[in-house]
PDB file of all heavy atoms in Angstrom:
ATOM      1  N   SER A   1      87.697 -58.562 -12.214  1.00  0.00           N
ATOM      2  CA  SER A   1      88.457 -59.774 -12.503  1.00  0.00           C
ATOM      3  C   SER A   1      89.909 -59.512 -12.146  1.00  0.00           C
ATOM      4  O   SER A   1      90.479 -58.508 -12.582  1.00  0.00           O
ATOM      5  CB  SER A   1      88.321 -60.133 -13.986  1.00  0.00           C
ATOM      6  OG  SER A   1      89.059 -61.285 -14.286  1.00  0.00           O
ATOM      7  N   ASP A   2      90.496 -60.395 -11.344  1.00  0.00           N
ATOM      8  CA  ASP A   2      91.884 -60.240 -10.920  1.00  0.00           C
ATOM      9  C   ASP A   2      92.720 -61.346 -11.570  1.00  0.00           C
ATOM     10  O   ASP A   2      92.678 -62.493 -11.134  1.00  0.00           O
ATOM     11  CB  ASP A   2      91.982 -60.326  -9.399  1.00  0.00           C
ATOM     12  CG  ASP A   2      93.385 -60.050  -8.883  1.00  0.00           C
ATOM     13  OD1 ASP A   2      94.337 -60.018  -9.693  1.00  0.00           O
ATOM     14  OD2 ASP A   2      93.528 -59.870  -7.664  1.00  0.00           O
ATOM     15  N   PRO A   3      93.473 -61.032 -12.613  1.00  0.00           N
ATOM     16  CA  PRO A   3      94.265 -62.054 -13.305  1.00  0.00           C
ATOM     17  C   PRO A   3      95.325 -62.698 -12.404  1.00  0.00           C
ATOM     18  O   PRO A   3      95.680 -63.857 -12.589  1.00  0.00           O
ATOM     19  CB  PRO A   3      94.927 -61.304 -14.458  1.00  0.00           C
ATOM     20  CG  PRO A   3      94.243 -59.996 -14.561  1.00  0.00           C
ATOM     21  CD  PRO A   3      93.592 -59.724 -13.243  1.00  0.00           C
ATOM     22  N   ALA A   4      95.818 -61.962 -11.416  1.00  0.00           N
ATOM     23  CA  ALA A   4      96.868 -62.499 -10.532  1.00  0.00           C
ATOM     24  C   ALA A   4      96.333 -63.635  -9.662  1.00  0.00           C
ATOM     25  O   ALA A   4      97.012 -64.639  -9.456  1.00  0.00           O
ATOM     26  CB  ALA A   4      97.432 -61.385  -9.655  1.00  0.00           C
ATOM     27  N   THR A   5      95.112 -63.491  -9.151  1.00  0.00           N
ATOM     28  CA  THR A   5      94.546 -64.518  -8.268  1.00  0.00           C
ATOM     29  C   THR A   5      93.536 -65.405  -8.984  1.00  0.00           C
ATOM     30  O   THR A   5      93.181 -66.472  -8.484  1.00  0.00           O
ATOM     31  CB  THR A   5      93.830 -63.871  -7.063  1.00  0.00           C
ATOM     32  OG1 THR A   5      92.746 -63.069  -7.543  1.00  0.00           O
ATOM     33  CG2 THR A   5      94.795 -63.033  -6.251  1.00  0.00           C
ATOM     34  N   GLY A   6      93.043 -64.963 -10.137  1.00  0.00           N
ATOM     35  CA  GLY A   6      92.027 -65.725 -10.854  1.00  0.00           C
ATOM     36  C   GLY A   6      90.621 -65.523 -10.318  1.00  0.00           C
ATOM     37  O   GLY A   6      89.688 -66.188 -10.741  1.00  0.00           O
ATOM     38  N   VAL A   7      90.459 -64.580  -9.389  1.00  0.00           N
ATOM     39  CA  VAL A   7      89.150 -64.333  -8.785  1.00  0.00           C
ATOM     40  C   VAL A   7      88.325 -63.413  -9.689  1.00  0.00           C
ATOM     41  O   VAL A   7      88.819 -62.392 -10.171  1.00  0.00           O
ATOM     42  CB  VAL A   7      89.294 -63.720  -7.377  1.00  0.00           C
ATOM     43  CG1 VAL A   7      87.950 -63.299  -6.823  1.00  0.00           C
ATOM     44  CG2 VAL A   7      89.961 -64.712  -6.446  1.00  0.00           C
ATOM     45  N   VAL A   8      87.090 -63.807  -9.909  1.00  0.00           N
ATOM     46  CA  VAL A   8      86.153 -63.032 -10.718  1.00  0.00           C
ATOM     47  C   VAL A   8      84.932 -62.731  -9.849  1.00  0.00           C
ATOM     48  O   VAL A   8      84.418 -63.622  -9.177  1.00  0.00           O
ATOM     49  CB  VAL A   8      85.722 -63.817 -11.976  1.00  0.00           C
ATOM     50  CG1 VAL A   8      84.674 -63.052 -12.764  1.00  0.00           C
ATOM     51  CG2 VAL A   8      86.923 -64.144 -12.842  1.00  0.00           C
ATOM     52  N   GLU A   9      84.489 -61.483  -9.859  1.00  0.00           N
ATOM     53  CA  GLU A   9      83.276 -61.111  -9.138  1.00  0.00           C
ATOM     54  C   GLU A   9      82.205 -60.742 -10.150  1.00  0.00           C
ATOM     55  O   GLU A   9      82.470 -60.007 -11.102  1.00  0.00           O
ATOM     56  CB  GLU A   9      83.530 -59.943  -8.191  1.00  0.00           C
ATOM     57  CG  GLU A   9      84.395 -60.324  -7.014  1.00  0.00           C
ATOM     58  CD  GLU A   9      84.479 -59.241  -5.953  1.00  0.00           C
ATOM     59  OE1 GLU A   9      83.839 -58.177  -6.107  1.00  0.00           O
ATOM     60  OE2 GLU A   9      85.194 -59.466  -4.961  1.00  0.00           O
ATOM     61  N   VAL A  10      81.019 -61.288  -9.934  1.00  0.00           N
ATOM     62  CA  VAL A  10      79.887 -61.062 -10.828  1.00  0.00           C
ATOM     63  C   VAL A  10      78.736 -60.481 -10.021  1.00  0.00           C
ATOM     64  O   VAL A  10      78.356 -61.045  -8.987  1.00  0.00           O
ATOM     65  CB  VAL A  10      79.453 -62.387 -11.507  1.00  0.00           C
ATOM     66  CG1 VAL A  10      78.192 -62.186 -12.338  1.00  0.00           C
ATOM     67  CG2 VAL A  10      80.580 -62.955 -12.356  1.00  0.00           C
ATOM     68  N   ARG A  11      78.199 -59.343 -10.477  1.00  0.00           N
ATOM     69  CA  ARG A  11      76.988 -58.772  -9.868  1.00  0.00           C
ATOM     70  C   ARG A  11      75.799 -59.379 -10.586  1.00  0.00           C
ATOM     71  O   ARG A  11      75.766 -59.406 -11.823  1.00  0.00           O
ATOM     72  CB  ARG A  11      76.957 -57.253 -10.037  1.00  0.00           C
ATOM     73  CG  ARG A  11      77.990 -56.521  -9.240  1.00  0.00           C
ATOM     74  CD  ARG A  11      77.711 -56.432  -7.762  1.00  0.00           C
ATOM     75  NE  ARG A  11      76.407 -55.849  -7.486  1.00  0.00           N
ATOM     76  CZ  ARG A  11      75.652 -56.183  -6.442  1.00  0.00           C
ATOM     77  NH1 ARG A  11      76.050 -57.091  -5.590  1.00  0.00           N
ATOM     78  NH2 ARG A  11      74.495 -55.617  -6.245  1.00  0.00           N
ATOM     79  N   ALA A  12      74.855 -59.897  -9.816  1.00  0.00           N
ATOM     80  CA  ALA A  12      73.695 -60.551 -10.413  1.00  0.00           C
ATOM     81  C   ALA A  12      72.427 -60.164  -9.667  1.00  0.00           C
ATOM     82  O   ALA A  12      72.467 -59.804  -8.492  1.00  0.00           O
ATOM     83  CB  ALA A  12      73.883 -62.066 -10.376  1.00  0.00           C
ATOM     84  N   ASP A  13      71.314 -60.232 -10.381  1.00  0.00           N
ATOM     85  CA  ASP A  13      70.024 -60.042  -9.729  1.00  0.00           C
ATOM     86  C   ASP A  13      68.984 -60.923 -10.396  1.00  0.00           C
ATOM     87  O   ASP A  13      69.187 -61.413 -11.508  1.00  0.00           O
ATOM     88  CB  ASP A  13      69.597 -58.568  -9.714  1.00  0.00           C
ATOM     89  CG  ASP A  13      69.306 -57.995 -11.081  1.00  0.00           C
ATOM     90  OD1 ASP A  13      68.432 -58.541 -11.791  1.00  0.00           O
ATOM     91  OD2 ASP A  13      69.927 -56.981 -11.444  1.00  0.00           O
ATOM     92  N   THR A  14      67.895 -61.145  -9.676  1.00  0.00           N
ATOM     93  CA  THR A  14      66.774 -61.914 -10.202  1.00  0.00           C
ATOM     94  C   THR A  14      65.549 -61.015 -10.243  1.00  0.00           C
ATOM     95  O   THR A  14      65.404 -60.115  -9.417  1.00  0.00           O
ATOM     96  CB  THR A  14      66.469 -63.151  -9.333  1.00  0.00           C
ATOM     97  OG1 THR A  14      66.160 -62.723  -8.005  1.00  0.00           O
ATOM     98  CG2 THR A  14      67.654 -64.096  -9.288  1.00  0.00           C
ATOM     99  N   ARG A  15      64.694 -61.277 -11.220  1.00  0.00           N
ATOM    100  CA  ARG A  15      63.488 -60.470 -11.391  1.00  0.00           C
ATOM    101  C   ARG A  15      62.297 -61.384 -11.698  1.00  0.00           C
ATOM    102  O   ARG A  15      62.429 -62.333 -12.449  1.00  0.00           O
ATOM    103  CB  ARG A  15      63.661 -59.470 -12.535  1.00  0.00           C
ATOM    104  CG  ARG A  15      64.737 -58.455 -12.243  1.00  0.00           C
ATOM    105  CD  ARG A  15      65.121 -57.655 -13.474  1.00  0.00           C
ATOM    106  NE  ARG A  15      66.245 -56.795 -13.151  1.00  0.00           N
ATOM    107  CZ  ARG A  15      66.131 -55.567 -12.694  1.00  0.00           C
ATOM    108  NH1 ARG A  15      64.944 -55.030 -12.543  1.00  0.00           N
ATOM    109  NH2 ARG A  15      67.189 -54.857 -12.409  1.00  0.00           N
ATOM    110  N   ASP A  16      61.178 -61.062 -11.116  1.00  0.00           N
ATOM    111  CA  ASP A  16      59.917 -61.738 -11.388  1.00  0.00           C
ATOM    112  C   ASP A  16      59.201 -60.905 -12.435  1.00  0.00           C
ATOM    113  O   ASP A  16      58.740 -59.805 -12.150  1.00  0.00           O
ATOM    114  CB  ASP A  16      59.108 -61.838 -10.089  1.00  0.00           C
ATOM    115  CG  ASP A  16      57.679 -62.281 -10.313  1.00  0.00           C
ATOM    116  OD1 ASP A  16      57.397 -62.846 -11.385  1.00  0.00           O
ATOM    117  OD2 ASP A  16      56.854 -62.071  -9.423  1.00  0.00           O
ATOM    118  N   LEU A  17      59.140 -61.388 -13.667  1.00  0.00           N
ATOM    119  CA  LEU A  17      58.544 -60.609 -14.749  1.00  0.00           C
ATOM    120  C   LEU A  17      57.062 -60.900 -14.946  1.00  0.00           C
ATOM    121  O   LEU A  17      56.407 -60.249 -15.742  1.00  0.00           O
ATOM    122  CB  LEU A  17      59.278 -60.887 -16.066  1.00  0.00           C
ATOM    123  CG  LEU A  17      60.757 -60.530 -16.075  1.00  0.00           C
ATOM    124  CD1 LEU A  17      61.344 -60.813 -17.443  1.00  0.00           C
ATOM    125  CD2 LEU A  17      60.986 -59.087 -15.681  1.00  0.00           C
ATOM    126  N   GLY A  18      56.572 -61.879 -14.214  1.00  0.00           N
ATOM    127  CA  GLY A  18      55.187 -62.246 -14.451  1.00  0.00           C
ATOM    128  C   GLY A  18      54.318 -62.252 -13.227  1.00  0.00           C
ATOM    129  O   GLY A  18      53.709 -61.267 -12.857  1.00  0.00           O
ATOM    130  N   ASN A  19      54.309 -63.320 -12.518  1.00  0.00           N
ATOM    131  CA  ASN A  19      53.363 -63.611 -11.457  1.00  0.00           C
ATOM    132  C   ASN A  19      53.655 -62.845 -10.169  1.00  0.00           C
ATOM    133  O   ASN A  19      53.624 -63.392  -9.085  1.00  0.00           O
ATOM    134  CB  ASN A  19      53.375 -65.121 -11.206  1.00  0.00           C
ATOM    135  CG  ASN A  19      52.312 -65.569 -10.258  1.00  0.00           C
ATOM    136  OD1 ASN A  19      51.318 -64.901 -10.061  1.00  0.00           O
ATOM    137  ND2 ASN A  19      52.536 -66.711  -9.665  1.00  0.00           N
ATOM    138  N   SER A  20      53.926 -61.564 -10.276  1.00  0.00           N
ATOM    139  CA  SER A  20      54.247 -60.774  -9.096  1.00  0.00           C
ATOM    140  C   SER A  20      52.990 -60.494  -8.278  1.00  0.00           C
ATOM    141  O   SER A  20      51.944 -60.177  -8.818  1.00  0.00           O
ATOM    142  CB  SER A  20      54.889 -59.448  -9.490  1.00  0.00           C
ATOM    143  OG  SER A  20      55.147 -58.684  -8.341  1.00  0.00           O
ATOM    144  N   PHE A  21      53.109 -60.617  -6.970  1.00  0.00           N
ATOM    145  CA  PHE A  21      51.973 -60.328  -6.098  1.00  0.00           C
ATOM    146  C   PHE A  21      51.901 -58.835  -5.757  1.00  0.00           C
ATOM    147  O   PHE A  21      50.953 -58.383  -5.139  1.00  0.00           O
ATOM    148  CB  PHE A  21      52.031 -61.168  -4.818  1.00  0.00           C
ATOM    149  CG  PHE A  21      53.298 -61.013  -4.043  1.00  0.00           C
ATOM    150  CD1 PHE A  21      53.438 -60.029  -3.080  1.00  0.00           C
ATOM    151  CD2 PHE A  21      54.381 -61.849  -4.293  1.00  0.00           C
ATOM    152  CE1 PHE A  21      54.610 -59.873  -2.379  1.00  0.00           C
ATOM    153  CE2 PHE A  21      55.565 -61.697  -3.590  1.00  0.00           C
ATOM    154  CZ  PHE A  21      55.676 -60.713  -2.632  1.00  0.00           C
ATOM    155  N   LEU A  22      52.893 -58.060  -6.174  1.00  0.00           N
ATOM    156  CA  LEU A  22      52.873 -56.610  -5.967  1.00  0.00           C
ATOM    157  C   LEU A  22      52.390 -55.933  -7.247  1.00  0.00           C
ATOM    158  O   LEU A  22      52.819 -56.302  -8.337  1.00  0.00           O
ATOM    159  CB  LEU A  22      54.274 -56.100  -5.637  1.00  0.00           C
ATOM    160  CG  LEU A  22      54.900 -56.622  -4.352  1.00  0.00           C
ATOM    161  CD1 LEU A  22      56.333 -56.126  -4.240  1.00  0.00           C
ATOM    162  CD2 LEU A  22      54.102 -56.168  -3.143  1.00  0.00           C
ATOM    163  N   PRO A  23      51.534 -54.938  -7.160  1.00  0.00           N
ATOM    164  CA  PRO A  23      51.024 -54.280  -8.359  1.00  0.00           C
ATOM    165  C   PRO A  23      52.138 -53.724  -9.256  1.00  0.00           C
ATOM    166  O   PRO A  23      52.039 -53.776 -10.462  1.00  0.00           O
ATOM    167  CB  PRO A  23      50.148 -53.149  -7.821  1.00  0.00           C
ATOM    168  CG  PRO A  23      49.871 -53.479  -6.403  1.00  0.00           C
ATOM    169  CD  PRO A  23      50.985 -54.376  -5.939  1.00  0.00           C
ATOM    170  N   ASP A  24      53.177 -53.168  -8.661  1.00  0.00           N
ATOM    171  CA  ASP A  24      54.267 -52.597  -9.456  1.00  0.00           C
ATOM    172  C   ASP A  24      55.525 -53.459  -9.379  1.00  0.00           C
ATOM    173  O   ASP A  24      56.615 -53.009  -9.693  1.00  0.00           O
ATOM    174  CB  ASP A  24      54.578 -51.172  -8.984  1.00  0.00           C
ATOM    175  CG  ASP A  24      55.102 -51.156  -7.553  1.00  0.00           C
ATOM    176  OD1 ASP A  24      54.929 -52.149  -6.837  1.00  0.00           O
ATOM    177  OD2 ASP A  24      55.701 -50.140  -7.161  1.00  0.00           O
ATOM    178  N   GLY A  25      55.387 -54.713  -8.983  1.00  0.00           N
ATOM    179  CA  GLY A  25      56.547 -55.570  -8.752  1.00  0.00           C
ATOM    180  C   GLY A  25      57.163 -56.165  -9.997  1.00  0.00           C
ATOM    181  O   GLY A  25      58.335 -56.528  -9.998  1.00  0.00           O
ATOM    182  N   ALA A  26      56.407 -56.324 -11.061  1.00  0.00           N
ATOM    183  CA  ALA A  26      56.932 -56.961 -12.263  1.00  0.00           C
ATOM    184  C   ALA A  26      58.112 -56.169 -12.814  1.00  0.00           C
ATOM    185  O   ALA A  26      58.037 -54.966 -13.020  1.00  0.00           O
ATOM    186  CB  ALA A  26      55.845 -57.091 -13.314  1.00  0.00           C
ATOM    187  N   GLY A  27      59.193 -56.843 -13.024  1.00  0.00           N
ATOM    188  CA  GLY A  27      60.381 -56.231 -13.593  1.00  0.00           C
ATOM    189  C   GLY A  27      61.352 -55.636 -12.594  1.00  0.00           C
ATOM    190  O   GLY A  27      62.464 -55.301 -12.949  1.00  0.00           O
ATOM    191  N   LYS A  28      60.944 -55.506 -11.334  1.00  0.00           N
ATOM    192  CA  LYS A  28      61.858 -54.986 -10.318  1.00  0.00           C
ATOM    193  C   LYS A  28      62.688 -56.131  -9.741  1.00  0.00           C
ATOM    194  O   LYS A  28      62.220 -57.266  -9.669  1.00  0.00           O
ATOM    195  CB  LYS A  28      61.079 -54.310  -9.196  1.00  0.00           C
ATOM    196  CG  LYS A  28      60.425 -53.017  -9.606  1.00  0.00           C
ATOM    197  CD  LYS A  28      59.763 -52.348  -8.429  1.00  0.00           C
ATOM    198  CE  LYS A  28      59.156 -51.024  -8.840  1.00  0.00           C
ATOM    199  NZ  LYS A  28      58.469 -50.388  -7.714  1.00  0.00           N
ATOM    200  N   ALA A  29      63.890 -55.808  -9.313  1.00  0.00           N
ATOM    201  CA  ALA A  29      64.755 -56.838  -8.734  1.00  0.00           C
ATOM    202  C   ALA A  29      64.120 -57.428  -7.484  1.00  0.00           C
ATOM    203  O   ALA A  29      63.614 -56.705  -6.633  1.00  0.00           O
ATOM    204  CB  ALA A  29      66.124 -56.254  -8.402  1.00  0.00           C
ATOM    205  N   ALA A  30      64.126 -58.749  -7.403  1.00  0.00           N
ATOM    206  CA  ALA A  30      63.639 -59.446  -6.218  1.00  0.00           C
ATOM    207  C   ALA A  30      64.807 -59.740  -5.281  1.00  0.00           C
ATOM    208  O   ALA A  30      64.648 -59.776  -4.068  1.00  0.00           O
ATOM    209  CB  ALA A  30      62.930 -60.738  -6.604  1.00  0.00           C
ATOM    210  N   ALA A  31      65.983 -59.961  -5.865  1.00  0.00           N
ATOM    211  CA  ALA A  31      67.185 -60.249  -5.077  1.00  0.00           C
ATOM    212  C   ALA A  31      68.396 -59.825  -5.892  1.00  0.00           C
ATOM    213  O   ALA A  31      68.359 -59.817  -7.126  1.00  0.00           O
ATOM    214  CB  ALA A  31      67.271 -61.728  -4.741  1.00  0.00           C
ATOM    215  N   GLU A  32      69.473 -59.485  -5.183  1.00  0.00           N
ATOM    216  CA  GLU A  32      70.736 -59.178  -5.850  1.00  0.00           C
ATOM    217  C   GLU A  32      71.881 -59.643  -4.968  1.00  0.00           C
ATOM    218  O   GLU A  32      71.725 -59.783  -3.751  1.00  0.00           O
ATOM    219  CB  GLU A  32      70.863 -57.695  -6.180  1.00  0.00           C
ATOM    220  CG  GLU A  32      70.958 -56.788  -4.986  1.00  0.00           C
ATOM    221  CD  GLU A  32      71.052 -55.312  -5.366  1.00  0.00           C
ATOM    222  OE1 GLU A  32      70.716 -54.951  -6.503  1.00  0.00           O
ATOM    223  OE2 GLU A  32      71.465 -54.533  -4.502  1.00  0.00           O
ATOM    224  N   ALA A  33      73.014 -59.915  -5.598  1.00  0.00           N
ATOM    225  CA  ALA A  33      74.173 -60.408  -4.851  1.00  0.00           C
ATOM    226  C   ALA A  33      75.425 -60.277  -5.705  1.00  0.00           C
ATOM    227  O   ALA A  33      75.356 -60.059  -6.915  1.00  0.00           O
ATOM    228  CB  ALA A  33      73.970 -61.860  -4.443  1.00  0.00           C
ATOM    229  N   THR A  34      76.562 -60.425  -5.054  1.00  0.00           N
ATOM    230  CA  THR A  34      77.845 -60.533  -5.736  1.00  0.00           C
ATOM    231  C   THR A  34      78.297 -61.984  -5.609  1.00  0.00           C
ATOM    232  O   THR A  34      78.428 -62.507  -4.501  1.00  0.00           O
ATOM    233  CB  THR A  34      78.900 -59.605  -5.097  1.00  0.00           C
ATOM    234  OG1 THR A  34      78.434 -58.255  -5.189  1.00  0.00           O
ATOM    235  CG2 THR A  34      80.244 -59.742  -5.801  1.00  0.00           C
TER     236      THR A  34
END
């Protein structure tokens, strides 16, 4: 977070906790971004 410019960066990810088509896919990040 930069108070001088007001810019905030957030790290985020999404996870499929259920209907994963991969045997070990449940709970692993499907996507991530800033």
